[in-house]
N, C-alpha and C. Protein backbone atom coordinates (compact mmCIF):
# COMPACT_ATOMS: atom_id res chain seq x y z
N MET A 1 -37.55 12.20 -97.17
CA MET A 1 -36.88 12.32 -95.73
C MET A 1 -36.37 13.82 -95.78
N PRO A 2 -37.00 14.53 -94.99
CA PRO A 2 -36.62 15.96 -94.81
C PRO A 2 -35.06 16.26 -94.26
N ARG A 3 -34.53 17.01 -94.75
CA ARG A 3 -33.16 17.34 -94.27
C ARG A 3 -33.34 18.02 -92.97
N ILE A 4 -32.51 18.06 -91.88
CA ILE A 4 -32.33 18.52 -90.73
C ILE A 4 -31.09 19.47 -90.86
N SER A 5 -31.38 20.65 -90.61
CA SER A 5 -30.12 21.52 -90.70
C SER A 5 -29.70 21.77 -89.42
N ARG A 6 -28.62 22.21 -89.22
CA ARG A 6 -28.00 22.65 -88.11
C ARG A 6 -27.09 23.74 -88.49
N GLU A 7 -26.27 24.43 -87.27
CA GLU A 7 -25.37 25.63 -87.53
C GLU A 7 -23.92 25.27 -87.08
N CYS A 8 -23.23 25.79 -87.86
CA CYS A 8 -21.82 25.65 -87.42
C CYS A 8 -21.30 26.52 -85.96
N SER A 9 -20.52 25.85 -85.18
CA SER A 9 -20.34 26.02 -84.00
C SER A 9 -19.32 27.27 -84.04
N TYR A 10 -18.57 27.36 -85.19
CA TYR A 10 -17.72 28.51 -85.07
C TYR A 10 -17.94 29.85 -85.80
N CYS A 11 -18.82 29.45 -87.28
CA CYS A 11 -19.35 30.93 -87.69
C CYS A 11 -20.54 30.91 -88.17
N HIS A 12 -21.33 30.06 -87.07
CA HIS A 12 -22.91 29.73 -86.81
C HIS A 12 -23.52 30.09 -88.49
N GLU A 13 -22.82 29.40 -89.49
CA GLU A 13 -23.59 29.27 -90.62
C GLU A 13 -24.39 28.03 -90.82
N PRO A 14 -25.46 28.02 -91.66
CA PRO A 14 -26.44 26.84 -91.47
C PRO A 14 -25.65 25.62 -92.30
N MET A 15 -25.72 24.44 -91.72
CA MET A 15 -24.89 23.27 -92.35
C MET A 15 -26.18 22.22 -92.38
N GLU A 16 -25.99 21.00 -93.37
CA GLU A 16 -27.01 20.07 -93.53
C GLU A 16 -26.66 19.17 -92.41
N ALA A 17 -27.44 18.20 -92.04
CA ALA A 17 -27.21 17.37 -91.10
C ALA A 17 -26.29 16.30 -91.14
N ASP A 18 -25.90 15.83 -92.43
CA ASP A 18 -25.09 14.75 -92.95
C ASP A 18 -23.36 15.66 -93.09
N GLU A 19 -23.48 17.03 -92.98
CA GLU A 19 -22.02 17.65 -93.13
C GLU A 19 -21.52 17.61 -91.85
N PHE A 20 -20.03 17.10 -91.91
CA PHE A 20 -19.11 17.39 -90.99
C PHE A 20 -18.20 18.51 -91.17
N LYS A 21 -18.02 19.24 -92.03
CA LYS A 21 -17.13 20.29 -92.32
C LYS A 21 -17.87 21.44 -92.89
N CYS A 22 -17.79 22.73 -92.27
CA CYS A 22 -18.53 23.62 -92.69
C CYS A 22 -17.98 24.36 -94.04
N LYS A 23 -18.84 24.41 -94.92
CA LYS A 23 -18.63 24.98 -96.04
C LYS A 23 -17.91 26.61 -96.24
N SER A 24 -18.49 27.02 -95.33
CA SER A 24 -18.17 28.77 -95.09
C SER A 24 -16.70 28.72 -94.56
N CYS A 25 -16.31 28.10 -93.34
CA CYS A 25 -15.41 28.53 -92.71
C CYS A 25 -14.38 27.37 -92.81
N GLY A 26 -14.73 26.27 -92.90
CA GLY A 26 -13.91 24.91 -92.96
C GLY A 26 -13.69 24.48 -91.79
N ASN A 27 -14.52 24.60 -90.74
CA ASN A 27 -14.40 24.06 -89.41
C ASN A 27 -15.00 22.70 -89.53
N MET A 28 -14.34 21.72 -88.71
CA MET A 28 -14.78 20.24 -88.53
C MET A 28 -15.92 20.29 -87.44
N VAL A 29 -16.75 19.82 -87.70
CA VAL A 29 -17.96 19.60 -86.79
C VAL A 29 -18.21 17.97 -86.66
N THR A 30 -17.90 17.33 -85.74
CA THR A 30 -17.84 16.41 -85.19
C THR A 30 -19.28 15.71 -84.50
N THR A 31 -19.92 16.43 -84.04
CA THR A 31 -21.17 16.20 -83.33
C THR A 31 -22.33 17.42 -83.67
N LYS A 32 -23.57 17.23 -83.44
CA LYS A 32 -24.62 17.86 -83.54
C LYS A 32 -24.48 19.01 -82.69
N THR A 33 -24.48 20.23 -83.23
CA THR A 33 -24.46 21.52 -82.36
C THR A 33 -25.85 22.01 -82.23
N ALA A 34 -26.10 22.13 -80.83
CA ALA A 34 -27.49 22.85 -80.56
C ALA A 34 -27.14 24.18 -80.14
N LYS A 35 -28.35 24.98 -80.27
CA LYS A 35 -28.32 26.39 -79.81
C LYS A 35 -28.37 26.42 -78.25
N PRO A 36 -27.36 27.07 -77.54
CA PRO A 36 -27.43 26.92 -76.14
C PRO A 36 -28.67 27.69 -75.47
N GLU A 37 -29.53 27.25 -74.51
CA GLU A 37 -30.68 27.77 -73.95
C GLU A 37 -30.26 28.95 -73.21
N GLN A 38 -29.04 29.13 -72.58
CA GLN A 38 -28.83 30.32 -71.90
C GLN A 38 -27.50 30.90 -72.45
N PRO A 39 -27.57 32.04 -73.49
CA PRO A 39 -26.56 32.25 -74.21
C PRO A 39 -25.32 32.93 -73.65
N TYR A 40 -25.79 33.63 -72.61
CA TYR A 40 -24.56 34.33 -71.82
C TYR A 40 -24.36 33.71 -70.30
N MET A 41 -23.46 33.90 -69.71
CA MET A 41 -22.71 33.51 -68.47
C MET A 41 -23.82 34.03 -67.44
N ALA A 42 -24.41 33.22 -66.55
CA ALA A 42 -25.20 33.62 -65.49
C ALA A 42 -24.45 34.55 -64.44
N GLU A 43 -25.13 35.47 -63.94
CA GLU A 43 -24.42 36.42 -62.99
C GLU A 43 -24.38 35.85 -61.48
N TYR A 44 -23.06 35.91 -60.78
CA TYR A 44 -23.31 35.50 -59.54
C TYR A 44 -23.97 35.91 -58.62
N ASP A 45 -24.69 35.57 -57.89
CA ASP A 45 -25.66 36.12 -56.70
C ASP A 45 -24.76 36.53 -55.65
N GLU A 46 -24.42 37.95 -55.36
CA GLU A 46 -23.69 38.38 -54.35
C GLU A 46 -24.25 38.72 -53.20
N SER A 47 -25.67 38.17 -52.95
CA SER A 47 -26.09 38.96 -51.72
C SER A 47 -25.80 38.19 -50.43
N VAL A 48 -25.43 36.86 -50.35
CA VAL A 48 -25.08 36.06 -49.51
C VAL A 48 -23.70 36.58 -49.13
N LEU A 49 -22.73 36.82 -50.09
CA LEU A 49 -21.41 37.24 -49.77
C LEU A 49 -21.46 38.64 -49.39
N ASP A 50 -22.20 39.57 -49.85
CA ASP A 50 -22.34 40.79 -49.09
C ASP A 50 -22.80 41.04 -47.78
N GLN A 51 -23.74 40.11 -47.42
CA GLN A 51 -24.20 40.01 -46.02
C GLN A 51 -23.33 39.50 -45.17
N TYR A 52 -22.38 38.48 -45.76
CA TYR A 52 -21.09 38.18 -44.65
C TYR A 52 -20.07 38.88 -44.62
N SER A 53 -20.03 39.80 -45.86
CA SER A 53 -18.65 40.70 -45.67
C SER A 53 -19.18 42.12 -44.78
N MET A 54 -20.66 42.34 -44.70
CA MET A 54 -21.04 43.48 -43.78
C MET A 54 -21.06 42.86 -42.38
N VAL A 55 -21.02 41.83 -41.92
CA VAL A 55 -21.05 41.18 -40.59
C VAL A 55 -19.62 41.42 -40.39
N LEU A 56 -18.67 41.09 -41.10
CA LEU A 56 -17.21 41.04 -40.88
C LEU A 56 -16.84 42.80 -40.82
N LEU A 57 -17.37 43.42 -41.53
CA LEU A 57 -16.91 44.94 -41.38
C LEU A 57 -17.58 45.42 -40.01
N VAL A 58 -18.76 45.23 -39.59
CA VAL A 58 -19.00 45.51 -38.23
C VAL A 58 -18.33 45.10 -37.29
N LEU A 59 -17.95 43.98 -37.25
CA LEU A 59 -16.93 43.41 -36.41
C LEU A 59 -15.52 43.88 -36.42
N MET A 60 -15.19 44.40 -37.39
CA MET A 60 -13.65 44.96 -37.42
C MET A 60 -13.88 46.36 -36.93
N THR A 61 -15.01 47.05 -37.46
CA THR A 61 -15.48 48.51 -36.83
C THR A 61 -15.22 48.31 -35.42
N LEU A 62 -16.04 47.30 -34.77
CA LEU A 62 -15.91 47.22 -33.13
C LEU A 62 -14.62 47.02 -32.37
N PHE A 63 -13.64 46.43 -33.11
CA PHE A 63 -12.50 45.75 -32.58
C PHE A 63 -11.32 46.55 -33.03
N PHE A 64 -11.26 47.13 -34.31
CA PHE A 64 -10.32 47.90 -35.22
C PHE A 64 -10.62 48.93 -35.76
N ALA A 65 -11.12 49.89 -34.86
CA ALA A 65 -11.71 51.20 -35.59
C ALA A 65 -10.98 52.12 -36.61
N PRO A 66 -9.49 52.17 -36.20
CA PRO A 66 -8.82 52.94 -37.32
C PRO A 66 -8.62 52.07 -38.76
N ILE A 67 -8.52 50.70 -38.59
CA ILE A 67 -8.49 50.08 -39.90
C ILE A 67 -9.65 50.19 -40.41
N ALA A 68 -11.22 49.91 -39.94
CA ALA A 68 -12.12 50.00 -40.44
C ALA A 68 -12.46 51.55 -41.10
N MET A 69 -11.95 52.71 -40.41
CA MET A 69 -11.75 53.83 -40.96
C MET A 69 -11.13 54.12 -42.09
N THR A 70 -10.17 53.42 -42.68
CA THR A 70 -9.23 53.28 -43.91
C THR A 70 -9.99 52.55 -44.86
N VAL A 71 -10.42 51.46 -44.33
CA VAL A 71 -11.28 50.74 -45.49
C VAL A 71 -12.38 51.54 -45.97
N GLY A 72 -12.91 51.92 -44.89
CA GLY A 72 -14.36 52.80 -45.56
C GLY A 72 -14.15 53.76 -46.20
N GLY A 73 -12.92 54.61 -45.82
CA GLY A 73 -12.56 55.45 -46.75
C GLY A 73 -11.97 55.25 -48.15
N VAL A 74 -11.55 54.05 -48.42
CA VAL A 74 -11.33 53.65 -49.71
C VAL A 74 -12.61 53.31 -50.13
N LEU A 75 -13.58 52.53 -49.69
CA LEU A 75 -14.64 52.09 -50.09
C LEU A 75 -15.66 53.56 -50.56
N LEU A 76 -15.44 54.90 -50.04
CA LEU A 76 -16.14 55.80 -50.41
C LEU A 76 -16.01 56.21 -51.58
N PHE A 77 -14.59 55.68 -52.31
CA PHE A 77 -14.53 56.35 -53.91
C PHE A 77 -14.52 55.23 -54.76
N ASN A 78 -15.51 54.15 -54.53
CA ASN A 78 -15.79 53.02 -55.38
C ASN A 78 -16.72 53.47 -56.02
N ASP A 79 -17.02 52.78 -57.57
CA ASP A 79 -17.96 53.15 -58.17
C ASP A 79 -19.36 52.64 -57.92
N HIS A 80 -19.24 51.53 -57.28
CA HIS A 80 -20.11 50.54 -56.80
C HIS A 80 -21.23 51.46 -55.88
N ALA A 81 -22.33 51.48 -56.01
CA ALA A 81 -23.25 52.55 -55.24
C ALA A 81 -23.37 51.67 -53.82
N GLY A 82 -23.48 50.28 -53.73
CA GLY A 82 -23.35 49.83 -52.48
C GLY A 82 -22.23 49.51 -51.58
N LYS A 83 -21.28 49.52 -52.26
CA LYS A 83 -19.72 49.61 -51.91
C LYS A 83 -19.46 51.34 -51.08
N ARG A 84 -20.17 52.21 -51.69
CA ARG A 84 -20.07 53.44 -51.30
C ARG A 84 -20.83 53.69 -49.86
N ASP A 85 -22.01 52.88 -49.83
CA ASP A 85 -22.63 53.18 -48.77
C ASP A 85 -22.07 52.52 -47.60
N ALA A 86 -21.43 51.17 -47.89
CA ALA A 86 -20.89 50.45 -46.94
C ALA A 86 -19.64 51.27 -46.58
N GLY A 87 -18.94 52.25 -47.42
CA GLY A 87 -17.85 53.02 -46.71
C GLY A 87 -18.57 53.85 -45.93
N LYS A 88 -19.61 54.81 -46.22
CA LYS A 88 -20.12 55.54 -45.39
C LYS A 88 -20.20 55.02 -44.00
N ILE A 89 -20.99 53.90 -43.94
CA ILE A 89 -21.20 53.29 -42.81
C ILE A 89 -20.12 53.01 -41.77
N LEU A 90 -19.01 52.45 -42.51
CA LEU A 90 -17.61 52.05 -41.82
C LEU A 90 -17.07 53.43 -41.50
N VAL A 91 -16.95 54.57 -41.96
CA VAL A 91 -16.32 55.65 -41.37
C VAL A 91 -17.20 56.27 -40.46
N THR A 92 -18.69 56.41 -40.50
CA THR A 92 -19.47 56.86 -39.37
C THR A 92 -19.22 56.01 -38.11
N ALA A 93 -19.40 54.58 -38.25
CA ALA A 93 -19.49 53.90 -37.24
C ALA A 93 -17.81 53.82 -36.59
N SER A 94 -16.70 53.82 -37.04
CA SER A 94 -15.54 53.91 -36.89
C SER A 94 -15.22 55.18 -36.04
N LEU A 95 -15.82 56.50 -36.53
CA LEU A 95 -15.70 57.49 -35.73
C LEU A 95 -16.24 57.52 -34.41
N ILE A 96 -17.69 56.97 -34.47
CA ILE A 96 -18.10 56.80 -33.17
C ILE A 96 -17.70 56.05 -32.14
N MET A 97 -17.15 54.72 -32.60
CA MET A 97 -16.28 53.96 -31.71
C MET A 97 -15.06 54.64 -31.17
N MET A 98 -14.28 55.12 -31.89
CA MET A 98 -12.99 55.90 -31.55
C MET A 98 -13.47 56.94 -30.51
N VAL A 99 -14.84 57.55 -30.67
CA VAL A 99 -14.97 58.56 -29.70
C VAL A 99 -15.48 57.59 -28.22
N VAL A 100 -15.98 56.85 -28.24
CA VAL A 100 -16.51 55.68 -27.26
C VAL A 100 -15.12 55.42 -26.66
N TYR A 101 -13.94 54.94 -27.37
CA TYR A 101 -12.95 54.42 -27.03
C TYR A 101 -12.22 55.21 -26.03
N VAL A 102 -12.08 56.79 -26.64
CA VAL A 102 -11.62 57.76 -25.89
C VAL A 102 -12.14 58.11 -24.68
N ILE A 103 -13.50 57.97 -24.49
CA ILE A 103 -14.54 58.45 -23.59
C ILE A 103 -14.19 57.35 -22.06
N LEU A 104 -14.01 56.19 -22.79
CA LEU A 104 -13.70 54.91 -21.89
C LEU A 104 -12.58 54.87 -21.43
N PHE A 105 -11.32 55.38 -21.95
CA PHE A 105 -10.02 55.42 -21.65
C PHE A 105 -9.98 56.64 -20.60
N PHE A 106 -10.53 57.70 -20.81
CA PHE A 106 -10.58 58.67 -19.65
C PHE A 106 -11.35 58.47 -18.39
N ALA A 107 -12.37 57.85 -18.71
CA ALA A 107 -13.41 57.49 -17.43
C ALA A 107 -12.66 56.40 -16.50
N PHE A 108 -11.88 55.54 -17.18
CA PHE A 108 -11.16 54.41 -16.24
C PHE A 108 -9.38 54.76 -16.03
N TRP A 109 -9.24 55.97 -16.56
CA TRP A 109 -7.73 56.40 -15.88
C TRP A 109 -7.50 56.90 -14.97
């Protein structure tokens, strides 16, 4: 009967199928250990969150231009390129909205 080897879940040294204690590190292994199919944690897909955030930022720009300008100014100094682009859009759109608000204020005053 061929002996099936497995590896220790702690030190990853090979073990025999009938061993419960690793000879290398002394770790007790009670169940069979299998190599994971995905060794690293999957990255979270932020595309849906980014689309939702952009909609909220546009609405904030329309109704609260000074706050949007502040948030955009902070985002301009971010390391992530997408956030820098969002900061540029926010600052530009909030400047445009503030000009529109001033024109409307003097037009109806």
